[in-house]
Amino acid sequence: MFIRYTVKDISPSQALALVAALALSWIIATIVYRLHFHPLSKYPGPFWARISAFPAYCRTKKQNRHIWFWQLQQKYGPTFRITPDSVLINTPTGLKAIFNNKANVKKAEYYKAYPRNVHAMTTWNTIDKTIHARKRRVMNNAFSDKAMRSCEPFIQENIDRWFELINEEIGKKQWSDSLNMARWSDHLVFDILGDLCFGKSFGMKEHDSDLRHIPRLMTDFMALLHPVRASFKQ
């Protein structure tokens, strides 16, 4: 009865003020927690990146996040915070310490945003270490010394053709127009993967290819997924 009377007696402006006060209190508490009490609070990083994932999202949308990472590394060293729940580590021992099967870490919950359904698990997106180990054992045969050497002719053939196309693009001029080597490298890698994984090159590096937009589509898709995966509980 008391609650009903109290709620009924509150004016719209008072209700709005109450909601605003609660929202402001939650924001302040979240900021204080992420700056001082979060498990990653000891790691340095930009102020806004330590309290929100929005700076990382903006860099992803602008497609210059790798440059931002490099700038942060110059300022903060090899280990720094890029979002409230993420730390970037660039040390010689970091790869083994993080990705070793016995490491005391696991992939974040946001990897659940990537599979098309709950059964489409791969070594990249699965969080369960047991599932990852089982799938990795199957893949290990493809990364043996003998298997890697058998791939060399396919890789070399694509690289030779890649150089031919670049020379055609440059022509016989002493100075050529600039080339976007990041795009050219994307095309080469996709063609090599097509040869190795599907038995035929995609032909993406060829001048008349209709598939050159695929790498850009993948980049745009990853940028689109950024806020989606950030919504998963860390």
C-alpha atoms as a PDB file:
ATOM      1  CA  MET A   1       0.000   0.000   0.000  1.00  0.00           C
ATOM      2  CA  PHE A   2       2.795   2.394   0.937  1.00  0.00           C
ATOM      3  CA  ILE A   3       4.708   1.628  -2.257  1.00  0.00           C
ATOM      4  CA  ARG A   4       1.640   2.116  -4.420  1.00  0.00           C
ATOM      5  CA  TYR A   5       0.893   5.444  -2.782  1.00  0.00           C
ATOM      6  CA  THR A   6       4.489   6.642  -3.091  1.00  0.00           C
ATOM      7  CA  VAL A   7       4.860   5.732  -6.765  1.00  0.00           C
ATOM      8  CA  LYS A   8       1.495   7.254  -7.605  1.00  0.00           C
ATOM      9  CA  ASP A   9       2.427  10.424  -5.799  1.00  0.00           C
ATOM     10  CA  ILE A  10       5.641  10.987  -7.822  1.00  0.00           C
ATOM     11  CA  SER A  11       5.331  13.547 -10.614  1.00  0.00           C
ATOM     12  CA  PRO A  12       6.735  12.857 -14.112  1.00  0.00           C
ATOM     13  CA  SER A  13       9.536  15.364 -13.567  1.00  0.00           C
ATOM     14  CA  GLN A  14      10.505  13.699 -10.283  1.00  0.00           C
ATOM     15  CA  ALA A  15      10.469  10.274 -11.939  1.00  0.00           C
ATOM     16  CA  LEU A  16      12.684  11.577 -14.721  1.00  0.00           C
ATOM     17  CA  ALA A  17      15.075  13.111 -12.194  1.00  0.00           C
ATOM     18  CA  LEU A  18      15.206   9.821 -10.276  1.00  0.00           C
ATOM     19  CA  VAL A  19      16.004   7.843 -13.427  1.00  0.00           C
ATOM     20  CA  ALA A  20      18.687  10.374 -14.394  1.00  0.00           C
ATOM     21  CA  ALA A  21      20.229  10.204 -10.909  1.00  0.00           C
ATOM     22  CA  LEU A  22      20.298   6.406 -10.977  1.00  0.00           C
ATOM     23  CA  ALA A  23      21.825   6.398 -14.471  1.00  0.00           C
ATOM     24  CA  LEU A  24      24.458   8.941 -13.442  1.00  0.00           C
ATOM     25  CA  SER A  25      25.275   6.942 -10.310  1.00  0.00           C
ATOM     26  CA  TRP A  26      25.669   3.775 -12.379  1.00  0.00           C
ATOM     27  CA  ILE A  27      27.965   5.544 -14.864  1.00  0.00           C
ATOM     28  CA  ILE A  28      30.143   7.003 -12.094  1.00  0.00           C
ATOM     29  CA  ALA A  29      30.331   3.660 -10.285  1.00  0.00           C
ATOM     30  CA  THR A  30      31.282   1.882 -13.523  1.00  0.00           C
ATOM     31  CA  ILE A  31      34.017   4.421 -14.284  1.00  0.00           C
ATOM     32  CA  VAL A  32      35.457   4.196 -10.772  1.00  0.00           C
ATOM     33  CA  TYR A  33      35.394   0.399 -10.900  1.00  0.00           C
ATOM     34  CA  ARG A  34      37.088   0.198 -14.296  1.00  0.00           C
ATOM     35  CA  LEU A  35      39.769   2.705 -13.340  1.00  0.00           C
ATOM     36  CA  HIS A  36      40.625   1.451  -9.855  1.00  0.00           C
ATOM     37  CA  PHE A  37      39.107  -1.958  -9.019  1.00  0.00           C
ATOM     38  CA  HIS A  38      38.895  -3.848 -12.320  1.00  0.00           C
ATOM     39  CA  PRO A  39      41.329  -6.823 -12.629  1.00  0.00           C
ATOM     40  CA  LEU A  40      43.007  -4.984 -15.530  1.00  0.00           C
ATOM     41  CA  SER A  41      43.152  -1.594 -13.801  1.00  0.00           C
ATOM     42  CA  LYS A  42      46.912  -1.897 -13.202  1.00  0.00           C
ATOM     43  CA  TYR A  43      47.653  -1.791 -16.931  1.00  0.00           C
ATOM     44  CA  PRO A  44      48.261   1.630 -18.532  1.00  0.00           C
ATOM     45  CA  GLY A  45      46.285   2.966 -21.457  1.00  0.00           C
ATOM     46  CA  PRO A  46      44.311   5.974 -22.704  1.00  0.00           C
ATOM     47  CA  PHE A  47      41.771   7.242 -20.181  1.00  0.00           C
ATOM     48  CA  TRP A  48      38.746   6.849 -22.450  1.00  0.00           C
ATOM     49  CA  ALA A  49      39.825   3.383 -23.593  1.00  0.00           C
ATOM     50  CA  ARG A  50      40.105   2.261 -19.965  1.00  0.00           C
ATOM     51  CA  ILE A  51      36.497   3.208 -19.219  1.00  0.00           C
ATOM     52  CA  SER A  52      34.802   2.467 -22.560  1.00  0.00           C
ATOM     53  CA  ALA A  53      35.145   0.317 -25.689  1.00  0.00           C
ATOM     54  CA  PHE A  54      33.972   3.241 -27.830  1.00  0.00           C
ATOM     55  CA  PRO A  55      37.484   4.483 -28.808  1.00  0.00           C
ATOM     56  CA  ALA A  56      38.409   1.011 -30.089  1.00  0.00           C
ATOM     57  CA  TYR A  57      35.129   0.831 -31.995  1.00  0.00           C
ATOM     58  CA  CYS A  58      35.762   4.204 -33.649  1.00  0.00           C
ATOM     59  CA  ARG A  59      39.239   3.091 -34.720  1.00  0.00           C
ATOM     60  CA  THR A  60      37.768  -0.102 -36.125  1.00  0.00           C
ATOM     61  CA  LYS A  61      35.198   1.865 -38.120  1.00  0.00           C
ATOM     62  CA  LYS A  62      37.944   4.122 -39.477  1.00  0.00           C
ATOM     63  CA  GLN A  63      40.028   0.997 -40.265  1.00  0.00           C
ATOM     64  CA  ASN A  64      43.149   2.455 -38.675  1.00  0.00           C
ATOM     65  CA  ARG A  65      43.114   0.493 -35.424  1.00  0.00           C
ATOM     66  CA  HIS A  66      46.510  -1.073 -36.204  1.00  0.00           C
ATOM     67  CA  ILE A  67      48.057   2.401 -36.426  1.00  0.00           C
ATOM     68  CA  TRP A  68      46.401   3.358 -33.140  1.00  0.00           C
ATOM     69  CA  PHE A  69      47.848   0.234 -31.512  1.00  0.00           C
ATOM     70  CA  TRP A  70      51.315   1.156 -32.756  1.00  0.00           C
ATOM     71  CA  GLN A  71      50.969   4.705 -31.402  1.00  0.00           C
ATOM     72  CA  LEU A  72      49.841   3.384 -28.013  1.00  0.00           C
ATOM     73  CA  GLN A  73      52.760   0.974 -27.905  1.00  0.00           C
ATOM     74  CA  GLN A  74      55.177   3.847 -28.486  1.00  0.00           C
ATOM     75  CA  LYS A  75      53.599   5.683 -25.560  1.00  0.00           C
ATOM     76  CA  TYR A  76      52.797   2.932 -23.032  1.00  0.00           C
ATOM     77  CA  GLY A  77      55.220   0.130 -23.896  1.00  0.00           C
ATOM     78  CA  PRO A  78      54.561  -3.457 -25.024  1.00  0.00           C
ATOM     79  CA  THR A  79      51.601  -4.072 -22.670  1.00  0.00           C
ATOM     80  CA  PHE A  80      48.638  -1.696 -22.481  1.00  0.00           C
ATOM     81  CA  ARG A  81      44.860  -1.555 -22.143  1.00  0.00           C
ATOM     82  CA  ILE A  82      42.765  -0.954 -25.270  1.00  0.00           C
ATOM     83  CA  THR A  83      39.270  -1.465 -23.790  1.00  0.00           C
ATOM     84  CA  PRO A  84      38.038  -1.941 -20.207  1.00  0.00           C
ATOM     85  CA  ASP A  85      38.262  -5.723 -20.674  1.00  0.00           C
ATOM     86  CA  SER A  86      41.167  -6.031 -23.139  1.00  0.00           C
ATOM     87  CA  VAL A  87      44.932  -5.776 -22.858  1.00  0.00           C
ATOM     88  CA  LEU A  88      47.261  -5.835 -25.850  1.00  0.00           C
ATOM     89  CA  ILE A  89      50.536  -7.676 -25.231  1.00  0.00           C
ATOM     90  CA  ASN A  90      53.435  -7.454 -27.675  1.00  0.00           C
ATOM     91  CA  THR A  91      56.349  -9.293 -26.080  1.00  0.00           C
ATOM     92  CA  PRO A  92      58.514 -12.246 -27.214  1.00  0.00           C
ATOM     93  CA  THR A  93      56.990 -14.454 -24.510  1.00  0.00           C
ATOM     94  CA  GLY A  94      53.418 -13.196 -24.903  1.00  0.00           C
ATOM     95  CA  LEU A  95      52.388 -15.584 -27.682  1.00  0.00           C
ATOM     96  CA  LYS A  96      53.338 -18.707 -25.751  1.00  0.00           C
ATOM     97  CA  ALA A  97      52.065 -17.379 -22.437  1.00  0.00           C
ATOM     98  CA  ILE A  98      48.615 -16.592 -23.850  1.00  0.00           C
ATOM     99  CA  PHE A  99      47.985 -19.222 -26.525  1.00  0.00           C
ATOM    100  CA  ASN A 100      49.650 -22.212 -24.906  1.00  0.00           C
ATOM    101  CA  ASN A 101      47.100 -24.949 -24.146  1.00  0.00           C
ATOM    102  CA  LYS A 102      48.186 -24.955 -20.506  1.00  0.00           C
ATOM    103  CA  ALA A 103      47.999 -21.179 -20.131  1.00  0.00           C
ATOM    104  CA  ASN A 104      45.802 -19.857 -17.333  1.00  0.00           C
ATOM    105  CA  VAL A 105      43.660 -17.855 -19.768  1.00  0.00           C
ATOM    106  CA  LYS A 106      40.803 -18.515 -22.166  1.00  0.00           C
ATOM    107  CA  LYS A 107      39.152 -16.674 -25.016  1.00  0.00           C
ATOM    108  CA  ALA A 108      36.585 -14.030 -24.110  1.00  0.00           C
ATOM    109  CA  GLU A 109      32.848 -14.583 -24.304  1.00  0.00           C
ATOM    110  CA  TYR A 110      32.568 -12.273 -27.312  1.00  0.00           C
ATOM    111  CA  TYR A 111      33.966 -15.027 -29.558  1.00  0.00           C
ATOM    112  CA  LYS A 112      30.429 -16.437 -29.378  1.00  0.00           C
ATOM    113  CA  ALA A 113      29.365 -13.625 -31.707  1.00  0.00           C
ATOM    114  CA  TYR A 114      31.293 -15.057 -34.664  1.00  0.00           C
ATOM    115  CA  PRO A 115      29.954 -18.616 -35.342  1.00  0.00           C
ATOM    116  CA  ARG A 116      26.876 -18.762 -37.560  1.00  0.00           C
ATOM    117  CA  ASN A 117      25.316 -21.174 -35.018  1.00  0.00           C
ATOM    118  CA  VAL A 118      26.235 -22.901 -31.754  1.00  0.00           C
ATOM    119  CA  HIS A 119      27.535 -25.969 -33.589  1.00  0.00           C
ATOM    120  CA  ALA A 120      29.845 -24.143 -36.041  1.00  0.00           C
ATOM    121  CA  MET A 121      32.920 -24.177 -33.824  1.00  0.00           C
ATOM    122  CA  THR A 122      36.454 -23.817 -35.192  1.00  0.00           C
ATOM    123  CA  THR A 123      39.905 -23.597 -33.636  1.00  0.00           C
ATOM    124  CA  TRP A 124      39.577 -19.831 -33.933  1.00  0.00           C
ATOM    125  CA  ASN A 125      36.196 -19.151 -32.349  1.00  0.00           C
ATOM    126  CA  THR A 126      35.752 -21.962 -29.828  1.00  0.00           C
ATOM    127  CA  ILE A 127      36.169 -21.026 -26.176  1.00  0.00           C
ATOM    128  CA  ASP A 128      36.189 -24.585 -24.813  1.00  0.00           C
ATOM    129  CA  LYS A 129      39.800 -25.789 -24.592  1.00  0.00           C
ATOM    130  CA  THR A 130      38.790 -29.445 -24.941  1.00  0.00           C
ATOM    131  CA  ILE A 131      37.004 -28.802 -28.234  1.00  0.00           C
ATOM    132  CA  HIS A 132      39.912 -26.667 -29.427  1.00  0.00           C
ATOM    133  CA  ALA A 133      42.442 -29.399 -28.610  1.00  0.00           C
ATOM    134  CA  ARG A 134      40.415 -32.028 -30.485  1.00  0.00           C
ATOM    135  CA  LYS A 135      40.100 -29.889 -33.593  1.00  0.00           C
ATOM    136  CA  ARG A 136      43.739 -28.832 -33.421  1.00  0.00           C
ATOM    137  CA  ARG A 137      44.901 -32.463 -33.403  1.00  0.00           C
ATOM    138  CA  VAL A 138      43.110 -32.971 -36.719  1.00  0.00           C
ATOM    139  CA  MET A 139      44.742 -29.861 -38.189  1.00  0.00           C
ATOM    140  CA  ASN A 140      48.257 -30.665 -36.979  1.00  0.00           C
ATOM    141  CA  ASN A 141      48.851 -32.991 -39.936  1.00  0.00           C
ATOM    142  CA  ALA A 142      48.470 -30.046 -42.307  1.00  0.00           C
ATOM    143  CA  PHE A 143      51.261 -28.189 -40.508  1.00  0.00           C
ATOM    144  CA  SER A 144      53.866 -30.958 -40.470  1.00  0.00           C
ATOM    145  CA  ASP A 145      57.201 -30.307 -42.177  1.00  0.00           C
ATOM    146  CA  LYS A 146      56.323 -32.658 -45.051  1.00  0.00           C
ATOM    147  CA  ALA A 147      52.916 -31.069 -45.585  1.00  0.00           C
ATOM    148  CA  MET A 148      54.324 -27.548 -45.537  1.00  0.00           C
ATOM    149  CA  ARG A 149      56.988 -28.450 -48.105  1.00  0.00           C
ATOM    150  CA  SER A 150      54.338 -29.933 -50.388  1.00  0.00           C
ATOM    151  CA  CYS A 151      52.615 -26.529 -50.409  1.00  0.00           C
ATOM    152  CA  GLU A 152      55.687 -24.697 -51.677  1.00  0.00           C
ATOM    153  CA  PRO A 153      55.000 -25.127 -55.447  1.00  0.00           C
ATOM    154  CA  PHE A 154      51.498 -23.651 -55.097  1.00  0.00           C
ATOM    155  CA  ILE A 155      52.768 -20.723 -53.054  1.00  0.00           C
ATOM    156  CA  GLN A 156      55.677 -20.039 -55.402  1.00  0.00           C
ATOM    157  CA  GLU A 157      53.442 -20.154 -58.477  1.00  0.00           C
ATOM    158  CA  ASN A 158      51.100 -17.552 -56.999  1.00  0.00           C
ATOM    159  CA  ILE A 159      53.983 -15.321 -55.925  1.00  0.00           C
ATOM    160  CA  ASP A 160      55.596 -15.461 -59.392  1.00  0.00           C
ATOM    161  CA  ARG A 161      52.314 -14.507 -61.043  1.00  0.00           C
ATOM    162  CA  TRP A 162      51.828 -11.744 -58.475  1.00  0.00           C
ATOM    163  CA  PHE A 163      55.179 -10.187 -59.405  1.00  0.00           C
ATOM    164  CA  GLU A 164      54.293 -10.418 -63.102  1.00  0.00           C
ATOM    165  CA  LEU A 165      51.073  -8.505 -62.524  1.00  0.00           C
ATOM    166  CA  ILE A 166      52.819  -5.842 -60.452  1.00  0.00           C
ATOM    167  CA  ASN A 167      55.397  -5.361 -63.216  1.00  0.00           C
ATOM    168  CA  GLU A 168      52.573  -5.017 -65.737  1.00  0.00           C
ATOM    169  CA  GLU A 169      50.941  -2.425 -63.502  1.00  0.00           C
ATOM    170  CA  ILE A 170      54.166  -0.453 -63.176  1.00  0.00           C
ATOM    171  CA  GLY A 171      55.087  -0.704 -66.856  1.00  0.00           C
ATOM    172  CA  LYS A 172      58.414   0.444 -68.218  1.00  0.00           C
ATOM    173  CA  LYS A 173      58.219   3.920 -66.744  1.00  0.00           C
ATOM    174  CA  GLN A 174      61.069   4.996 -64.510  1.00  0.00           C
ATOM    175  CA  TRP A 175      58.604   6.096 -61.849  1.00  0.00           C
ATOM    176  CA  SER A 176      55.244   4.378 -61.515  1.00  0.00           C
ATOM    177  CA  ASP A 177      52.050   5.447 -59.835  1.00  0.00           C
ATOM    178  CA  SER A 178      51.775   4.341 -56.219  1.00  0.00           C
ATOM    179  CA  LEU A 179      50.231   0.934 -55.538  1.00  0.00           C
ATOM    180  CA  ASN A 180      48.180  -0.055 -52.515  1.00  0.00           C
ATOM    181  CA  MET A 181      50.400  -2.938 -51.424  1.00  0.00           C
ATOM    182  CA  ALA A 182      48.060  -3.839 -48.568  1.00  0.00           C
ATOM    183  CA  ARG A 183      45.340  -4.617 -51.130  1.00  0.00           C
ATOM    184  CA  TRP A 184      47.773  -6.419 -53.417  1.00  0.00           C
ATOM    185  CA  SER A 185      48.973  -8.537 -50.500  1.00  0.00           C
ATOM    186  CA  ASP A 186      45.371  -9.378 -49.586  1.00  0.00           C
ATOM    187  CA  HIS A 187      44.758 -10.626 -53.125  1.00  0.00           C
ATOM    188  CA  LEU A 188      47.902 -12.769 -53.043  1.00  0.00           C
ATOM    189  CA  VAL A 189      47.045 -14.347 -49.688  1.00  0.00           C
ATOM    190  CA  PHE A 190      43.476 -15.135 -50.765  1.00  0.00           C
ATOM    191  CA  ASP A 191      44.711 -16.793 -53.953  1.00  0.00           C
ATOM    192  CA  ILE A 192      47.236 -18.907 -52.045  1.00  0.00           C
ATOM    193  CA  LEU A 193      44.551 -19.969 -49.565  1.00  0.00           C
ATOM    194  CA  GLY A 194      42.234 -20.846 -52.440  1.00  0.00           C
ATOM    195  CA  ASP A 195      44.911 -23.077 -53.952  1.00  0.00           C
ATOM    196  CA  LEU A 196      45.738 -24.783 -50.662  1.00  0.00           C
ATOM    197  CA  CYS A 197      42.236 -25.107 -49.187  1.00  0.00           C
ATOM    198  CA  PHE A 198      39.986 -25.523 -52.223  1.00  0.00           C
ATOM    199  CA  GLY A 199      42.352 -26.808 -54.909  1.00  0.00           C
ATOM    200  CA  LYS A 200      42.073 -23.709 -57.093  1.00  0.00           C
ATOM    201  CA  SER A 201      43.198 -20.115 -56.858  1.00  0.00           C
ATOM    202  CA  PHE A 202      40.461 -17.480 -56.641  1.00  0.00           C
ATOM    203  CA  GLY A 203      42.286 -15.403 -59.255  1.00  0.00           C
ATOM    204  CA  MET A 204      41.785 -12.352 -57.084  1.00  0.00           C
ATOM    205  CA  LYS A 205      45.144 -10.862 -58.032  1.00  0.00           C
ATOM    206  CA  GLU A 206      44.224 -10.830 -61.739  1.00  0.00           C
ATOM    207  CA  HIS A 207      43.258  -7.451 -63.185  1.00  0.00           C
ATOM    208  CA  ASP A 208      39.853  -8.659 -64.413  1.00  0.00           C
ATOM    209  CA  SER A 209      38.868 -10.402 -61.167  1.00  0.00           C
ATOM    210  CA  ASP A 210      35.310  -9.903 -59.912  1.00  0.00           C
ATOM    211  CA  LEU A 211      36.288 -10.916 -56.370  1.00  0.00           C
ATOM    212  CA  ARG A 212      38.554  -8.069 -55.329  1.00  0.00           C
ATOM    213  CA  HIS A 213      35.824  -6.598 -53.135  1.00  0.00           C
ATOM    214  CA  ILE A 214      35.766  -9.668 -50.855  1.00  0.00           C
ATOM    215  CA  PRO A 215      38.591  -8.602 -48.455  1.00  0.00           C
ATOM    216  CA  ARG A 216      36.907  -5.217 -47.995  1.00  0.00           C
ATOM    217  CA  LEU A 217      33.561  -6.908 -47.294  1.00  0.00           C
ATOM    218  CA  MET A 218      35.213  -9.032 -44.616  1.00  0.00           C
ATOM    219  CA  THR A 219      36.791  -5.961 -43.033  1.00  0.00           C
ATOM    220  CA  ASP A 220      33.459  -4.125 -43.025  1.00  0.00           C
ATOM    221  CA  PHE A 221      31.756  -7.177 -41.527  1.00  0.00           C
ATOM    222  CA  MET A 222      34.286  -7.340 -38.690  1.00  0.00           C
ATOM    223  CA  ALA A 223      33.732  -3.643 -38.004  1.00  0.00           C
ATOM    224  CA  LEU A 224      29.977  -4.266 -37.937  1.00  0.00           C
ATOM    225  CA  LEU A 225      30.422  -7.090 -35.430  1.00  0.00           C
ATOM    226  CA  HIS A 226      32.513  -4.939 -33.087  1.00  0.00           C
ATOM    227  CA  PRO A 227      29.571  -3.488 -31.098  1.00  0.00           C
ATOM    228  CA  VAL A 228      27.785  -6.856 -31.249  1.00  0.00           C
ATOM    229  CA  ARG A 229      30.634  -8.788 -29.684  1.00  0.00           C
ATOM    230  CA  ALA A 230      31.205  -5.981 -27.182  1.00  0.00           C
ATOM    231  CA  SER A 231      27.663  -6.587 -25.897  1.00  0.00           C
ATOM    232  CA  PHE A 232      28.635 -10.069 -24.696  1.00  0.00           C
ATOM    233  CA  LYS A 233      29.495 -10.396 -21.039  1.00  0.00           C
ATOM    234  CA  GLN A 234      33.243 -10.356 -20.594  1.00  0.00           C
END
